[in-house]
Amino acid sequence: NDLTFTEATSEEIDVAVALAAVAFDAYKNTSSKERAQF
């Protein structure tokens, strides 16, 4: 196919996981209604 994709680097993996870990602190406390809306 025509599209080209870029493979994630080690640095980008670290950023993605770090963002997820920070997001967890807030996301785990979202309400049932908020999660359902998402």
PDB file of all heavy atoms in Angstrom:
ATOM      1  N   ASN A   1       0.838  -1.197   0.000  1.00  0.00           N
ATOM      2  CA  ASN A   1       0.000   0.000   0.000  1.00  0.00           C
ATOM      3  C   ASN A   1       0.873   1.247   0.000  1.00  0.00           C
ATOM      4  O   ASN A   1       2.068   1.200   0.305  1.00  0.00           O
ATOM      5  CB  ASN A   1      -0.919  -0.012   1.222  1.00  0.00           C
ATOM      6  CG  ASN A   1      -1.996  -1.082   1.123  1.00  0.00           C
ATOM      7  OD1 ASN A   1      -2.666  -1.197   0.098  1.00  0.00           O
ATOM      8  ND2 ASN A   1      -2.159  -1.873   2.170  1.00  0.00           N
ATOM      9  N   ASP A   2       0.263   2.386  -0.348  1.00  0.00           N
ATOM     10  CA  ASP A   2       1.028   3.619  -0.545  1.00  0.00           C
ATOM     11  C   ASP A   2       1.525   4.247   0.752  1.00  0.00           C
ATOM     12  O   ASP A   2       2.576   4.869   0.782  1.00  0.00           O
ATOM     13  CB  ASP A   2       0.176   4.649  -1.307  1.00  0.00           C
ATOM     14  CG  ASP A   2      -0.088   4.226  -2.741  1.00  0.00           C
ATOM     15  OD1 ASP A   2       0.724   3.443  -3.280  1.00  0.00           O
ATOM     16  OD2 ASP A   2      -1.114   4.658  -3.304  1.00  0.00           O
ATOM     17  N   LEU A   3       0.782   4.110   1.830  1.00  0.00           N
ATOM     18  CA  LEU A   3       1.129   4.805   3.064  1.00  0.00           C
ATOM     19  C   LEU A   3       2.397   4.259   3.707  1.00  0.00           C
ATOM     20  O   LEU A   3       2.649   3.055   3.685  1.00  0.00           O
ATOM     21  CB  LEU A   3      -0.012   4.707   4.060  1.00  0.00           C
ATOM     22  CG  LEU A   3      -1.224   5.615   3.807  1.00  0.00           C
ATOM     23  CD1 LEU A   3      -2.349   5.236   4.752  1.00  0.00           C
ATOM     24  CD2 LEU A   3      -0.839   7.071   4.002  1.00  0.00           C
ATOM     25  N   THR A   4       3.172   5.159   4.295  1.00  0.00           N
ATOM     26  CA  THR A   4       4.372   4.780   5.045  1.00  0.00           C
ATOM     27  C   THR A   4       4.150   5.060   6.529  1.00  0.00           C
ATOM     28  O   THR A   4       3.603   6.104   6.899  1.00  0.00           O
ATOM     29  CB  THR A   4       5.591   5.581   4.544  1.00  0.00           C
ATOM     30  OG1 THR A   4       5.806   5.283   3.168  1.00  0.00           O
ATOM     31  CG2 THR A   4       6.840   5.208   5.335  1.00  0.00           C
ATOM     32  N   PHE A   5       4.588   4.120   7.368  1.00  0.00           N
ATOM     33  CA  PHE A   5       4.409   4.244   8.810  1.00  0.00           C
ATOM     34  C   PHE A   5       5.765   4.275   9.505  1.00  0.00           C
ATOM     35  O   PHE A   5       6.718   3.636   9.045  1.00  0.00           O
ATOM     36  CB  PHE A   5       3.568   3.077   9.340  1.00  0.00           C
ATOM     37  CG  PHE A   5       2.205   3.025   8.729  1.00  0.00           C
ATOM     38  CD1 PHE A   5       1.990   2.329   7.548  1.00  0.00           C
ATOM     39  CD2 PHE A   5       1.150   3.710   9.303  1.00  0.00           C
ATOM     40  CE1 PHE A   5       0.737   2.304   6.957  1.00  0.00           C
ATOM     41  CE2 PHE A   5      -0.103   3.695   8.725  1.00  0.00           C
ATOM     42  CZ  PHE A   5      -0.314   2.990   7.550  1.00  0.00           C
ATOM     43  N   THR A   6       5.822   5.001  10.617  1.00  0.00           N
ATOM     44  CA  THR A   6       7.069   5.111  11.362  1.00  0.00           C
ATOM     45  C   THR A   6       6.996   4.260  12.626  1.00  0.00           C
ATOM     46  O   THR A   6       5.998   4.282  13.343  1.00  0.00           O
ATOM     47  CB  THR A   6       7.355   6.568  11.757  1.00  0.00           C
ATOM     48  OG1 THR A   6       6.257   7.085  12.511  1.00  0.00           O
ATOM     49  CG2 THR A   6       7.558   7.420  10.521  1.00  0.00           C
ATOM     50  N   GLU A   7       8.044   3.516  12.863  1.00  0.00           N
ATOM     51  CA  GLU A   7       8.104   2.665  14.050  1.00  0.00           C
ATOM     52  C   GLU A   7       8.468   3.500  15.271  1.00  0.00           C
ATOM     53  O   GLU A   7       9.332   4.380  15.209  1.00  0.00           O
ATOM     54  CB  GLU A   7       9.132   1.556  13.841  1.00  0.00           C
ATOM     55  CG  GLU A   7       9.192   0.568  14.985  1.00  0.00           C
ATOM     56  CD  GLU A   7       9.888  -0.721  14.584  1.00  0.00           C
ATOM     57  OE1 GLU A   7       9.387  -1.418  13.685  1.00  0.00           O
ATOM     58  OE2 GLU A   7      10.930  -1.011  15.185  1.00  0.00           O
ATOM     59  N   ALA A   8       7.812   3.223  16.385  1.00  0.00           N
ATOM     60  CA  ALA A   8       8.065   3.965  17.614  1.00  0.00           C
ATOM     61  C   ALA A   8       9.488   3.726  18.113  1.00  0.00           C
ATOM     62  O   ALA A   8       9.992   2.603  18.078  1.00  0.00           O
ATOM     63  CB  ALA A   8       7.066   3.562  18.690  1.00  0.00           C
ATOM     64  N   THR A   9      10.122   4.791  18.570  1.00  0.00           N
ATOM     65  CA  THR A   9      11.457   4.693  19.145  1.00  0.00           C
ATOM     66  C   THR A   9      11.361   4.359  20.632  1.00  0.00           C
ATOM     67  O   THR A   9      10.294   4.455  21.242  1.00  0.00           O
ATOM     68  CB  THR A   9      12.208   6.021  18.984  1.00  0.00           C
ATOM     69  OG1 THR A   9      11.517   7.030  19.739  1.00  0.00           O
ATOM     70  CG2 THR A   9      12.277   6.443  17.525  1.00  0.00           C
ATOM     71  N   SER A  10      12.499   4.014  21.218  1.00  0.00           N
ATOM     72  CA  SER A  10      12.534   3.738  22.657  1.00  0.00           C
ATOM     73  C   SER A  10      12.106   4.958  23.462  1.00  0.00           C
ATOM     74  O   SER A  10      11.400   4.838  24.479  1.00  0.00           O
ATOM     75  CB  SER A  10      13.945   3.315  23.079  1.00  0.00           C
ATOM     76  OG  SER A  10      14.309   2.099  22.478  1.00  0.00           O
ATOM     77  N   GLU A  11      12.506   6.142  23.001  1.00  0.00           N
ATOM     78  CA  GLU A  11      12.135   7.370  23.704  1.00  0.00           C
ATOM     79  C   GLU A  11      10.625   7.589  23.649  1.00  0.00           C
ATOM     80  O   GLU A  11      10.003   7.998  24.635  1.00  0.00           O
ATOM     81  CB  GLU A  11      12.859   8.566  23.075  1.00  0.00           C
ATOM     82  CG  GLU A  11      14.371   8.591  23.299  1.00  0.00           C
ATOM     83  CD  GLU A  11      15.121   7.589  22.418  1.00  0.00           C
ATOM     84  OE1 GLU A  11      14.542   7.108  21.406  1.00  0.00           O
ATOM     85  OE2 GLU A  11      16.284   7.265  22.748  1.00  0.00           O
ATOM     86  N   GLU A  12      10.036   7.308  22.496  1.00  0.00           N
ATOM     87  CA  GLU A  12       8.593   7.490  22.357  1.00  0.00           C
ATOM     88  C   GLU A  12       7.807   6.474  23.190  1.00  0.00           C
ATOM     89  O   GLU A  12       6.742   6.788  23.721  1.00  0.00           O
ATOM     90  CB  GLU A  12       8.211   7.401  20.878  1.00  0.00           C
ATOM     91  CG  GLU A  12       8.673   8.615  20.095  1.00  0.00           C
ATOM     92  CD  GLU A  12       8.564   8.448  18.592  1.00  0.00           C
ATOM     93  OE1 GLU A  12       8.341   7.313  18.117  1.00  0.00           O
ATOM     94  OE2 GLU A  12       8.696   9.466  17.889  1.00  0.00           O
ATOM     95  N   ILE A  13       8.344   5.269  23.297  1.00  0.00           N
ATOM     96  CA  ILE A  13       7.716   4.268  24.174  1.00  0.00           C
ATOM     97  C   ILE A  13       7.710   4.774  25.610  1.00  0.00           C
ATOM     98  O   ILE A  13       6.695   4.693  26.313  1.00  0.00           O
ATOM     99  CB  ILE A  13       8.456   2.922  24.059  1.00  0.00           C
ATOM    100  CG1 ILE A  13       8.244   2.315  22.679  1.00  0.00           C
ATOM    101  CG2 ILE A  13       8.001   1.957  25.152  1.00  0.00           C
ATOM    102  CD1 ILE A  13       9.144   1.141  22.373  1.00  0.00           C
ATOM    103  N   ASP A  14       8.847   5.318  26.052  1.00  0.00           N
ATOM    104  CA  ASP A  14       8.935   5.850  27.419  1.00  0.00           C
ATOM    105  C   ASP A  14       7.939   6.987  27.639  1.00  0.00           C
ATOM    106  O   ASP A  14       7.306   7.079  28.700  1.00  0.00           O
ATOM    107  CB  ASP A  14      10.353   6.348  27.703  1.00  0.00           C
ATOM    108  CG  ASP A  14      11.334   5.208  27.931  1.00  0.00           C
ATOM    109  OD1 ASP A  14      10.878   4.102  28.270  1.00  0.00           O
ATOM    110  OD2 ASP A  14      12.548   5.433  27.759  1.00  0.00           O
ATOM    111  N   VAL A  15       7.803   7.860  26.639  1.00  0.00           N
ATOM    112  CA  VAL A  15       6.864   8.983  26.765  1.00  0.00           C
ATOM    113  C   VAL A  15       5.437   8.470  26.868  1.00  0.00           C
ATOM    114  O   VAL A  15       4.653   8.918  27.719  1.00  0.00           O
ATOM    115  CB  VAL A  15       7.015   9.954  25.565  1.00  0.00           C
ATOM    116  CG1 VAL A  15       5.884  10.984  25.584  1.00  0.00           C
ATOM    117  CG2 VAL A  15       8.355  10.653  25.610  1.00  0.00           C
ATOM    118  N   ALA A  16       5.073   7.514  26.013  1.00  0.00           N
ATOM    119  CA  ALA A  16       3.705   6.975  26.016  1.00  0.00           C
ATOM    120  C   ALA A  16       3.369   6.332  27.354  1.00  0.00           C
ATOM    121  O   ALA A  16       2.274   6.551  27.904  1.00  0.00           O
ATOM    122  CB  ALA A  16       3.539   5.967  24.880  1.00  0.00           C
ATOM    123  N   VAL A  17       4.307   5.559  27.900  1.00  0.00           N
ATOM    124  CA  VAL A  17       4.043   4.895  29.176  1.00  0.00           C
ATOM    125  C   VAL A  17       4.021   5.905  30.321  1.00  0.00           C
ATOM    126  O   VAL A  17       3.183   5.814  31.230  1.00  0.00           O
ATOM    127  CB  VAL A  17       5.080   3.779  29.439  1.00  0.00           C
ATOM    128  CG1 VAL A  17       4.833   3.133  30.796  1.00  0.00           C
ATOM    129  CG2 VAL A  17       5.035   2.727  28.345  1.00  0.00           C
ATOM    130  N   ALA A  18       4.911   6.874  30.280  1.00  0.00           N
ATOM    131  CA  ALA A  18       4.921   7.904  31.324  1.00  0.00           C
ATOM    132  C   ALA A  18       3.613   8.691  31.327  1.00  0.00           C
ATOM    133  O   ALA A  18       3.044   8.970  32.392  1.00  0.00           O
ATOM    134  CB  ALA A  18       6.107   8.847  31.123  1.00  0.00           C
ATOM    135  N   LEU A  19       3.129   9.054  30.148  1.00  0.00           N
ATOM    136  CA  LEU A  19       1.850   9.760  30.054  1.00  0.00           C
ATOM    137  C   LEU A  19       0.712   8.897  30.599  1.00  0.00           C
ATOM    138  O   LEU A  19      -0.184   9.387  31.299  1.00  0.00           O
ATOM    139  CB  LEU A  19       1.566  10.133  28.597  1.00  0.00           C
ATOM    140  CG  LEU A  19       2.314  11.339  28.026  1.00  0.00           C
ATOM    141  CD1 LEU A  19       2.077  11.440  26.525  1.00  0.00           C
ATOM    142  CD2 LEU A  19       1.879  12.624  28.717  1.00  0.00           C
ATOM    143  N   ALA A  20       0.741   7.606  30.268  1.00  0.00           N
ATOM    144  CA  ALA A  20      -0.304   6.698  30.753  1.00  0.00           C
ATOM    145  C   ALA A  20      -0.278   6.579  32.266  1.00  0.00           C
ATOM    146  O   ALA A  20      -1.335   6.524  32.917  1.00  0.00           O
ATOM    147  CB  ALA A  20      -0.136   5.331  30.105  1.00  0.00           C
ATOM    148  N   ALA A  21       0.925   6.517  32.836  1.00  0.00           N
ATOM    149  CA  ALA A  21       1.048   6.390  34.293  1.00  0.00           C
ATOM    150  C   ALA A  21       0.500   7.628  35.008  1.00  0.00           C
ATOM    151  O   ALA A  21      -0.175   7.515  36.044  1.00  0.00           O
ATOM    152  CB  ALA A  21       2.511   6.161  34.669  1.00  0.00           C
ATOM    153  N   VAL A  22       0.784   8.811  34.460  1.00  0.00           N
ATOM    154  CA  VAL A  22       0.244  10.050  35.041  1.00  0.00           C
ATOM    155  C   VAL A  22      -1.266  10.102  34.847  1.00  0.00           C
ATOM    156  O   VAL A  22      -2.018  10.472  35.756  1.00  0.00           O
ATOM    157  CB  VAL A  22       0.928  11.281  34.407  1.00  0.00           C
ATOM    158  CG1 VAL A  22       0.241  12.564  34.869  1.00  0.00           C
ATOM    159  CG2 VAL A  22       2.411  11.311  34.777  1.00  0.00           C
ATOM    160  N   ALA A  23      -1.715   9.718  33.655  1.00  0.00           N
ATOM    161  CA  ALA A  23      -3.154   9.737  33.361  1.00  0.00           C
ATOM    162  C   ALA A  23      -3.926   8.802  34.284  1.00  0.00           C
ATOM    163  O   ALA A  23      -5.082   9.073  34.630  1.00  0.00           O
ATOM    164  CB  ALA A  23      -3.393   9.345  31.904  1.00  0.00           C
ATOM    165  N   PHE A  24      -3.302   7.706  34.689  1.00  0.00           N
ATOM    166  CA  PHE A  24      -3.975   6.733  35.540  1.00  0.00           C
ATOM    167  C   PHE A  24      -4.470   7.345  36.840  1.00  0.00           C
ATOM    168  O   PHE A  24      -5.565   7.031  37.310  1.00  0.00           O
ATOM    169  CB  PHE A  24      -3.037   5.557  35.832  1.00  0.00           C
ATOM    170  CG  PHE A  24      -3.616   4.514  36.742  1.00  0.00           C
ATOM    171  CD1 PHE A  24      -4.791   3.851  36.415  1.00  0.00           C
ATOM    172  CD2 PHE A  24      -2.988   4.187  37.944  1.00  0.00           C
ATOM    173  CE1 PHE A  24      -5.328   2.885  37.259  1.00  0.00           C
ATOM    174  CE2 PHE A  24      -3.522   3.223  38.790  1.00  0.00           C
ATOM    175  CZ  PHE A  24      -4.693   2.570  38.443  1.00  0.00           C
ATOM    176  N   ASP A  25      -3.671   8.242  37.412  1.00  0.00           N
ATOM    177  CA  ASP A  25      -4.058   8.862  38.685  1.00  0.00           C
ATOM    178  C   ASP A  25      -5.388   9.597  38.570  1.00  0.00           C
ATOM    179  O   ASP A  25      -6.190   9.609  39.509  1.00  0.00           O
ATOM    180  CB  ASP A  25      -2.969   9.833  39.156  1.00  0.00           C
ATOM    181  CG  ASP A  25      -1.712   9.109  39.615  1.00  0.00           C
ATOM    182  OD1 ASP A  25      -1.831   7.926  40.000  1.00  0.00           O
ATOM    183  OD2 ASP A  25      -0.628   9.703  39.564  1.00  0.00           O
ATOM    184  N   ALA A  26      -5.615  10.209  37.412  1.00  0.00           N
ATOM    185  CA  ALA A  26      -6.882  10.930  37.207  1.00  0.00           C
ATOM    186  C   ALA A  26      -7.962  10.006  36.653  1.00  0.00           C
ATOM    187  O   ALA A  26      -9.117  10.051  37.092  1.00  0.00           O
ATOM    188  CB  ALA A  26      -6.662  12.106  36.256  1.00  0.00           C
ATOM    189  N   TYR A  27      -7.587   9.157  35.710  1.00  0.00           N
ATOM    190  CA  TYR A  27      -8.592   8.356  35.007  1.00  0.00           C
ATOM    191  C   TYR A  27      -9.260   7.325  35.916  1.00  0.00           C
ATOM    192  O   TYR A  27     -10.457   7.062  35.790  1.00  0.00           O
ATOM    193  CB  TYR A  27      -7.949   7.671  33.802  1.00  0.00           C
ATOM    194  CG  TYR A  27      -8.946   6.959  32.920  1.00  0.00           C
ATOM    195  CD1 TYR A  27      -9.992   7.654  32.316  1.00  0.00           C
ATOM    196  CD2 TYR A  27      -8.841   5.589  32.683  1.00  0.00           C
ATOM    197  CE1 TYR A  27     -10.910   7.009  31.507  1.00  0.00           C
ATOM    198  CE2 TYR A  27      -9.757   4.932  31.870  1.00  0.00           C
ATOM    199  CZ  TYR A  27     -10.793   5.652  31.291  1.00  0.00           C
ATOM    200  OH  TYR A  27     -11.711   5.004  30.491  1.00  0.00           O
ATOM    201  N   LYS A  28      -8.495   6.760  36.846  1.00  0.00           N
ATOM    202  CA  LYS A  28      -9.084   5.752  37.738  1.00  0.00           C
ATOM    203  C   LYS A  28     -10.174   6.332  38.625  1.00  0.00           C
ATOM    204  O   LYS A  28     -11.018   5.595  39.152  1.00  0.00           O
ATOM    205  CB  LYS A  28      -7.993   5.104  38.600  1.00  0.00           C
ATOM    206  CG  LYS A  28      -7.381   6.034  39.637  1.00  0.00           C
ATOM    207  CD  LYS A  28      -6.264   5.353  40.414  1.00  0.00           C
ATOM    208  CE  LYS A  28      -5.646   6.292  41.443  1.00  0.00           C
ATOM    209  NZ  LYS A  28      -4.512   5.656  42.160  1.00  0.00           N
ATOM    210  N   ASN A  29     -10.154   7.666  38.781  1.00  0.00           N
ATOM    211  CA  ASN A  29     -11.143   8.324  39.633  1.00  0.00           C
ATOM    212  C   ASN A  29     -12.286   8.965  38.840  1.00  0.00           C
ATOM    213  O   ASN A  29     -13.131   9.653  39.424  1.00  0.00           O
ATOM    214  CB  ASN A  29     -10.461   9.395  40.495  1.00  0.00           C
ATOM    215  CG  ASN A  29      -9.536   8.779  41.534  1.00  0.00           C
ATOM    216  OD1 ASN A  29      -9.884   7.782  42.160  1.00  0.00           O
ATOM    217  ND2 ASN A  29      -8.353   9.352  41.708  1.00  0.00           N
ATOM    218  N   THR A  30     -12.304   8.768  37.527  1.00  0.00           N
ATOM    219  CA  THR A  30     -13.437   9.272  36.757  1.00  0.00           C
ATOM    220  C   THR A  30     -14.697   8.521  37.158  1.00  0.00           C
ATOM    221  O   THR A  30     -14.649   7.360  37.571  1.00  0.00           O
ATOM    222  CB  THR A  30     -13.202   9.105  35.239  1.00  0.00           C
ATOM    223  OG1 THR A  30     -12.854   7.747  34.963  1.00  0.00           O
ATOM    224  CG2 THR A  30     -12.114  10.034  34.748  1.00  0.00           C
ATOM    225  N   SER A  31     -15.818   9.189  37.025  1.00  0.00           N
ATOM    226  CA  SER A  31     -17.090   8.578  37.411  1.00  0.00           C
ATOM    227  C   SER A  31     -17.539   7.566  36.353  1.00  0.00           C
ATOM    228  O   SER A  31     -17.053   7.563  35.218  1.00  0.00           O
ATOM    229  CB  SER A  31     -18.165   9.648  37.568  1.00  0.00           C
ATOM    230  OG  SER A  31     -18.495  10.211  36.296  1.00  0.00           O
ATOM    231  N   SER A  32     -18.474   6.726  36.755  1.00  0.00           N
ATOM    232  CA  SER A  32     -19.047   5.758  35.820  1.00  0.00           C
ATOM    233  C   SER A  32     -19.653   6.458  34.617  1.00  0.00           C
ATOM    234  O   SER A  32     -19.492   6.017  33.471  1.00  0.00           O
ATOM    235  CB  SER A  32     -20.120   4.923  36.525  1.00  0.00           C
ATOM    236  OG  SER A  32     -19.575   4.190  37.595  1.00  0.00           O
ATOM    237  N   LYS A  33     -20.333   7.567  34.863  1.00  0.00           N
ATOM    238  CA  LYS A  33     -20.965   8.331  33.781  1.00  0.00           C
ATOM    239  C   LYS A  33     -19.917   8.867  32.815  1.00  0.00           C
ATOM    240  O   LYS A  33     -20.094   8.806  31.594  1.00  0.00           O
ATOM    241  CB  LYS A  33     -21.790   9.468  34.375  1.00  0.00           C
ATOM    242  CG  LYS A  33     -22.523  10.303  33.337  1.00  0.00           C
ATOM    243  CD  LYS A  33     -23.340  11.415  33.994  1.00  0.00           C
ATOM    244  CE  LYS A  33     -24.043  12.260  32.940  1.00  0.00           C
ATOM    245  NZ  LYS A  33     -24.823  13.384  33.566  1.00  0.00           N
ATOM    246  N   GLU A  34     -18.811   9.376  33.349  1.00  0.00           N
ATOM    247  CA  GLU A  34     -17.763   9.945  32.496  1.00  0.00           C
ATOM    248  C   GLU A  34     -17.111   8.872  31.632  1.00  0.00           C
ATOM    249  O   GLU A  34     -16.860   9.080  30.435  1.00  0.00           O
ATOM    250  CB  GLU A  34     -16.708  10.642  33.368  1.00  0.00           C
ATOM    251  CG  GLU A  34     -17.199  11.930  33.997  1.00  0.00           C
ATOM    252  CD  GLU A  34     -16.239  12.473  35.035  1.00  0.00           C
ATOM    253  OE1 GLU A  34     -15.552  11.669  35.717  1.00  0.00           O
ATOM    254  OE2 GLU A  34     -16.177  13.707  35.185  1.00  0.00           O
ATOM    255  N   ARG A  35     -16.846   7.712  32.228  1.00  0.00           N
ATOM    256  CA  ARG A  35     -16.240   6.631  31.456  1.00  0.00           C
ATOM    257  C   ARG A  35     -17.186   6.128  30.359  1.00  0.00           C
ATOM    258  O   ARG A  35     -16.768   5.820  29.247  1.00  0.00           O
ATOM    259  CB  ARG A  35     -15.841   5.493  32.388  1.00  0.00           C
ATOM    260  CG  ARG A  35     -14.327   5.361  32.528  1.00  0.00           C
ATOM    261  CD  ARG A  35     -13.976   4.246  33.475  1.00  0.00           C
ATOM    262  NE  ARG A  35     -13.663   4.759  34.787  1.00  0.00           N
ATOM    263  CZ  ARG A  35     -13.442   4.018  35.861  1.00  0.00           C
ATOM    264  NH1 ARG A  35     -13.529   2.706  35.780  1.00  0.00           N
ATOM    265  NH2 ARG A  35     -13.133   4.559  37.005  1.00  0.00           N
ATOM    266  N   ALA A  36     -18.450   6.029  30.700  1.00  0.00           N
ATOM    267  CA  ALA A  36     -19.442   5.588  29.719  1.00  0.00           C
ATOM    268  C   ALA A  36     -19.535   6.585  28.561  1.00  0.00           C
ATOM    269  O   ALA A  36     -19.621   6.185  27.388  1.00  0.00           O
ATOM    270  CB  ALA A  36     -20.806   5.426  30.386  1.00  0.00           C
ATOM    271  N   GLN A  37     -19.491   7.868  28.862  1.00  0.00           N
ATOM    272  CA  GLN A  37     -19.517   8.881  27.808  1.00  0.00           C
ATOM    273  C   GLN A  37     -18.305   8.748  26.884  1.00  0.00           C
ATOM    274  O   GLN A  37     -18.422   8.888  25.660  1.00  0.00           O
ATOM    275  CB  GLN A  37     -19.549  10.277  28.430  1.00  0.00           C
ATOM    276  CG  GLN A  37     -20.883  10.638  29.070  1.00  0.00           C
ATOM    277  CD  GLN A  37     -20.850  11.969  29.801  1.00  0.00           C
ATOM    278  OE1 GLN A  37     -19.765  12.469  30.182  1.00  0.00           O
ATOM    279  NE2 GLN A  37     -22.021  12.557  30.028  1.00  0.00           N
ATOM    280  N   PHE A  38     -17.152   8.466  27.470  1.00  0.00           N
ATOM    281  CA  PHE A  38     -15.921   8.286  26.690  1.00  0.00           C
ATOM    282  C   PHE A  38     -16.063   7.097  25.740  1.00  0.00           C
ATOM    283  O   PHE A  38     -15.790   7.202  24.541  1.00  0.00           O
ATOM    284  CB  PHE A  38     -14.751   8.101  27.652  1.00  0.00           C
ATOM    285  CG  PHE A  38     -13.413   7.861  27.006  1.00  0.00           C
ATOM    286  CD1 PHE A  38     -13.090   8.376  25.757  1.00  0.00           C
ATOM    287  CD2 PHE A  38     -12.440   7.101  27.675  1.00  0.00           C
ATOM    288  CE1 PHE A  38     -11.838   8.151  25.183  1.00  0.00           C
ATOM    289  CE2 PHE A  38     -11.202   6.866  27.111  1.00  0.00           C
ATOM    290  CZ  PHE A  38     -10.904   7.392  25.862  1.00  0.00           C
TER     291      PHE A  38
END
